[in-house]
C-alpha atoms as a PDB file:
ATOM      1  CA  UNK A   1     -25.038 -62.833 104.112  1.00  0.00           C
ATOM      2  CA  UNK A   2     -24.936 -66.623 103.740  1.00  0.00           C
ATOM      3  CA  UNK A   3     -28.732 -66.806 103.757  1.00  0.00           C
ATOM      4  CA  UNK A   4     -28.957 -64.334 100.895  1.00  0.00           C
ATOM      5  CA  UNK A   5     -26.301 -66.159  98.905  1.00  0.00           C
ATOM      6  CA  UNK A   6     -27.914 -69.554  99.520  1.00  0.00           C
ATOM      7  CA  UNK A   7     -31.348 -68.232  98.514  1.00  0.00           C
ATOM      8  CA  UNK A   8     -29.874 -66.682  95.391  1.00  0.00           C
ATOM      9  CA  UNK A   9     -28.194 -69.955  94.386  1.00  0.00           C
ATOM     10  CA  UNK A  10     -31.383 -71.943  94.955  1.00  0.00           C
ATOM     11  CA  UNK A  11     -33.383 -69.542  92.811  1.00  0.00           C
ATOM     12  CA  UNK A  12     -30.711 -69.593  90.139  1.00  0.00           C
ATOM     13  CA  UNK A  13     -30.811 -73.403  89.925  1.00  0.00           C
ATOM     14  CA  UNK A  14     -34.598 -73.437  90.005  1.00  0.00           C
ATOM     15  CA  UNK A  15     -34.810 -70.857  87.219  1.00  0.00           C
ATOM     16  CA  UNK A  16     -32.177 -72.598  85.128  1.00  0.00           C
ATOM     17  CA  UNK A  17     -33.886 -76.004  85.422  1.00  0.00           C
ATOM     18  CA  UNK A  18     -37.456 -74.826  84.974  1.00  0.00           C
ATOM     19  CA  UNK A  19     -37.564 -75.847  81.298  1.00  0.00           C
ATOM     20  CA  UNK A  20     -35.945 -79.232  81.865  1.00  0.00           C
ATOM     21  CA  UNK A  21     -38.424 -81.994  81.243  1.00  0.00           C
ATOM     22  CA  UNK A  22     -37.923 -85.553  82.450  1.00  0.00           C
ATOM     23  CA  UNK A  23     -36.285 -87.907  80.008  1.00  0.00           C
ATOM     24  CA  UNK A  24     -38.632 -89.808  77.733  1.00  0.00           C
ATOM     25  CA  UNK A  25     -38.116 -93.518  77.014  1.00  0.00           C
ATOM     26  CA  UNK A  26     -35.964 -92.914  73.934  1.00  0.00           C
ATOM     27  CA  UNK A  27     -33.753 -90.439  75.770  1.00  0.00           C
ATOM     28  CA  UNK A  28     -33.363 -92.881  78.652  1.00  0.00           C
ATOM     29  CA  UNK A  29     -32.239 -95.565  76.199  1.00  0.00           C
ATOM     30  CA  UNK A  30     -29.724 -93.195  74.646  1.00  0.00           C
ATOM     31  CA  UNK A  31     -28.353 -92.373  78.099  1.00  0.00           C
ATOM     32  CA  UNK A  32     -28.122 -96.094  78.827  1.00  0.00           C
ATOM     33  CA  UNK A  33     -26.273 -96.753  75.551  1.00  0.00           C
ATOM     34  CA  UNK A  34     -23.725 -94.037  76.246  1.00  0.00           C
ATOM     35  CA  UNK A  35     -23.222 -95.344  79.778  1.00  0.00           C
ATOM     36  CA  UNK A  36     -22.618 -98.865  78.459  1.00  0.00           C
ATOM     37  CA  UNK A  37     -20.182 -97.581  75.845  1.00  0.00           C
ATOM     38  CA  UNK A  38     -18.282 -95.822  78.625  1.00  0.00           C
ATOM     39  CA  UNK A  39     -17.970 -99.070  80.545  1.00  0.00           C
ATOM     40  CA  UNK A  40     -16.603-101.039  77.559  1.00  0.00           C
ATOM     41  CA  UNK A  41     -12.833-101.345  77.847  1.00  0.00           C
ATOM     42  CA  UNK A  42     -12.358-101.419  74.066  1.00  0.00           C
ATOM     43  CA  UNK A  43     -14.168 -98.101  73.544  1.00  0.00           C
ATOM     44  CA  UNK A  44     -11.992 -95.201  72.473  1.00  0.00           C
ATOM     45  CA  UNK A  45     -12.669 -91.627  73.499  1.00  0.00           C
ATOM     46  CA  UNK A  46     -11.765 -88.277  72.012  1.00  0.00           C
ATOM     47  CA  UNK A  47     -12.786 -84.748  72.791  1.00  0.00           C
ATOM     48  CA  UNK A  48     -12.360 -81.383  71.153  1.00  0.00           C
ATOM     49  CA  UNK A  49      -9.256 -79.742  72.577  1.00  0.00           C
ATOM     50  CA  UNK A  50     -10.600 -76.207  72.782  1.00  0.00           C
ATOM     51  CA  UNK A  51     -13.973 -75.055  73.976  1.00  0.00           C
ATOM     52  CA  UNK A  52     -14.848 -72.937  70.955  1.00  0.00           C
ATOM     53  CA  UNK A  53     -18.628 -73.124  70.833  1.00  0.00           C
ATOM     54  CA  UNK A  54     -19.572 -76.529  72.125  1.00  0.00           C
ATOM     55  CA  UNK A  55     -17.564 -79.337  73.563  1.00  0.00           C
ATOM     56  CA  UNK A  56     -17.745 -82.495  71.532  1.00  0.00           C
ATOM     57  CA  UNK A  57     -16.975 -85.947  72.784  1.00  0.00           C
ATOM     58  CA  UNK A  58     -16.454 -88.909  70.492  1.00  0.00           C
ATOM     59  CA  UNK A  59     -16.878 -92.514  71.540  1.00  0.00           C
ATOM     60  CA  UNK A  60     -15.866 -95.277  69.177  1.00  0.00           C
ATOM     61  CA  UNK A  61     -16.267 -98.999  69.608  1.00  0.00           C
ATOM     62  CA  UNK A  62     -14.889-100.749  66.531  1.00  0.00           C
ATOM     63  CA  UNK A  63     -15.746-104.236  67.806  1.00  0.00           C
ATOM     64  CA  UNK A  64     -19.450-103.404  67.757  1.00  0.00           C
ATOM     65  CA  UNK A  65     -19.079-100.732  65.047  1.00  0.00           C
ATOM     66  CA  UNK A  66     -20.828 -98.026  67.068  1.00  0.00           C
ATOM     67  CA  UNK A  67     -19.857 -94.379  66.985  1.00  0.00           C
ATOM     68  CA  UNK A  68     -21.306 -91.697  69.239  1.00  0.00           C
ATOM     69  CA  UNK A  69     -20.851 -87.947  69.210  1.00  0.00           C
ATOM     70  CA  UNK A  70     -21.954 -86.045  72.295  1.00  0.00           C
ATOM     71  CA  UNK A  71     -22.316 -82.319  72.521  1.00  0.00           C
ATOM     72  CA  UNK A  72     -23.836 -80.131  75.194  1.00  0.00           C
ATOM     73  CA  UNK A  73     -27.267 -80.500  73.632  1.00  0.00           C
ATOM     74  CA  UNK A  74     -27.331 -83.594  71.428  1.00  0.00           C
ATOM     75  CA  UNK A  75     -26.396 -87.216  70.924  1.00  0.00           C
ATOM     76  CA  UNK A  76     -25.518 -88.604  67.509  1.00  0.00           C
ATOM     77  CA  UNK A  77     -25.158 -92.349  67.132  1.00  0.00           C
ATOM     78  CA  UNK A  78     -24.351 -94.433  64.072  1.00  0.00           C
ATOM     79  CA  UNK A  79     -23.183 -97.898  63.085  1.00  0.00           C
ATOM     80  CA  UNK A  80     -22.894 -97.509  59.281  1.00  0.00           C
ATOM     81  CA  UNK A  81     -26.457 -98.792  58.887  1.00  0.00           C
ATOM     82  CA  UNK A  82     -28.346 -96.086  60.712  1.00  0.00           C
ATOM     83  CA  UNK A  83     -27.788 -92.556  61.904  1.00  0.00           C
ATOM     84  CA  UNK A  84     -29.734 -91.022  64.771  1.00  0.00           C
ATOM     85  CA  UNK A  85     -29.614 -87.502  66.195  1.00  0.00           C
ATOM     86  CA  UNK A  86     -31.564 -86.462  69.261  1.00  0.00           C
ATOM     87  CA  UNK A  87     -31.631 -83.117  71.001  1.00  0.00           C
ATOM     88  CA  UNK A  88     -31.455 -82.760  74.774  1.00  0.00           C
ATOM     89  CA  UNK A  89     -31.521 -79.958  77.268  1.00  0.00           C
ATOM     90  CA  UNK A  90     -27.986 -79.134  78.373  1.00  0.00           C
ATOM     91  CA  UNK A  91     -28.843 -80.102  81.952  1.00  0.00           C
ATOM     92  CA  UNK A  92     -29.858 -83.569  80.745  1.00  0.00           C
ATOM     93  CA  UNK A  93     -26.505 -83.978  79.010  1.00  0.00           C
ATOM     94  CA  UNK A  94     -24.344 -83.006  81.987  1.00  0.00           C
ATOM     95  CA  UNK A  95     -24.375 -86.446  83.678  1.00  0.00           C
ATOM     96  CA  UNK A  96     -23.395 -88.162  80.417  1.00  0.00           C
ATOM     97  CA  UNK A  97     -20.655 -85.696  79.652  1.00  0.00           C
ATOM     98  CA  UNK A  98     -19.348 -86.118  83.192  1.00  0.00           C
ATOM     99  CA  UNK A  99     -19.181 -89.910  82.687  1.00  0.00           C
ATOM    100  CA  UNK A 100     -17.300 -89.494  79.421  1.00  0.00           C
ATOM    101  CA  UNK A 101     -14.904 -86.983  80.945  1.00  0.00           C
ATOM    102  CA  UNK A 102     -14.231 -89.338  83.876  1.00  0.00           C
ATOM    103  CA  UNK A 103     -13.472 -92.153  81.449  1.00  0.00           C
ATOM    104  CA  UNK A 104     -11.135 -89.914  79.441  1.00  0.00           C
ATOM    105  CA  UNK A 105      -9.429 -88.873  82.664  1.00  0.00           C
ATOM    106  CA  UNK A 106      -9.042 -92.515  83.778  1.00  0.00           C
ATOM    107  CA  UNK A 107      -7.549 -93.470  80.407  1.00  0.00           C
ATOM    108  CA  UNK A 108      -5.177 -90.501  80.601  1.00  0.00           C
ATOM    109  CA  UNK A 109      -4.128 -91.513  84.107  1.00  0.00           C
ATOM    110  CA  UNK A 110      -3.399 -95.089  82.993  1.00  0.00           C
ATOM    111  CA  UNK A 111      -1.382 -93.828  80.048  1.00  0.00           C
ATOM    112  CA  UNK A 112       0.650 -91.463  82.232  1.00  0.00           C
ATOM    113  CA  UNK A 113       1.264 -94.230  84.745  1.00  0.00           C
ATOM    114  CA  UNK A 114       2.596 -96.480  81.980  1.00  0.00           C
ATOM    115  CA  UNK A 115       4.707 -93.649  80.583  1.00  0.00           C
ATOM    116  CA  UNK A 116       6.133 -92.890  84.003  1.00  0.00           C
ATOM    117  CA  UNK A 117       6.961 -96.564  84.486  1.00  0.00           C
ATOM    118  CA  UNK A 118       8.862 -96.479  81.192  1.00  0.00           C
ATOM    119  CA  UNK A 119      10.667 -93.340  82.294  1.00  0.00           C
ATOM    120  CA  UNK A 120      11.826 -95.054  85.473  1.00  0.00           C
ATOM    121  CA  UNK A 121      13.091 -98.017  83.444  1.00  0.00           C
ATOM    122  CA  UNK A 122      14.947 -95.630  81.139  1.00  0.00           C
ATOM    123  CA  UNK A 123      16.509 -93.787  84.078  1.00  0.00           C
ATOM    124  CA  UNK A 124      17.586 -97.082  85.677  1.00  0.00           C
ATOM    125  CA  UNK A 125      19.188 -98.169  82.394  1.00  0.00           C
ATOM    126  CA  UNK A 126      21.011 -94.866  82.091  1.00  0.00           C
ATOM    127  CA  UNK A 127      22.206 -95.123  85.680  1.00  0.00           C
ATOM    128  CA  UNK A 128      23.414 -98.707  85.138  1.00  0.00           C
ATOM    129  CA  UNK A 129      25.199 -97.820  81.925  1.00  0.00           C
ATOM    130  CA  UNK A 130      26.939 -94.954  83.688  1.00  0.00           C
ATOM    131  CA  UNK A 131      27.995 -97.333  86.451  1.00  0.00           C
ATOM    132  CA  UNK A 132      29.625 -99.674  83.944  1.00  0.00           C
ATOM    133  CA  UNK A 133      31.432 -96.828  82.183  1.00  0.00           C
ATOM    134  CA  UNK A 134      32.828 -95.522  85.501  1.00  0.00           C
ATOM    135  CA  UNK A 135      34.533 -98.855  86.294  1.00  0.00           C
END
């Protein structure tokens, strides 16, 4: 049974990726730009909350005035002087979207950690104030 399942999965991946062409030089540069924007600490990230038709991910870097919109099949980039849209195969976009999602998840984790720290401080203050009122 495992052999049949494994063969099926291999064929499924092969069939799904048969139309995927290698990235051309421009597409490689766009991937590189998105990767660099993800590594910038001052970049801000947003994503659509509900998967209606396509997920959209927004990357903003105000210091450099670059804005990027990623979807499952395209990259849009602008800096108020130019606007560029390029189409990709969805399989070519997966690694980029994964990077953006990881960055969003890391930012969310940091924010929750800071919030939890504040909650502990609040609880300590409440506990201390209750101690003083009991005396």
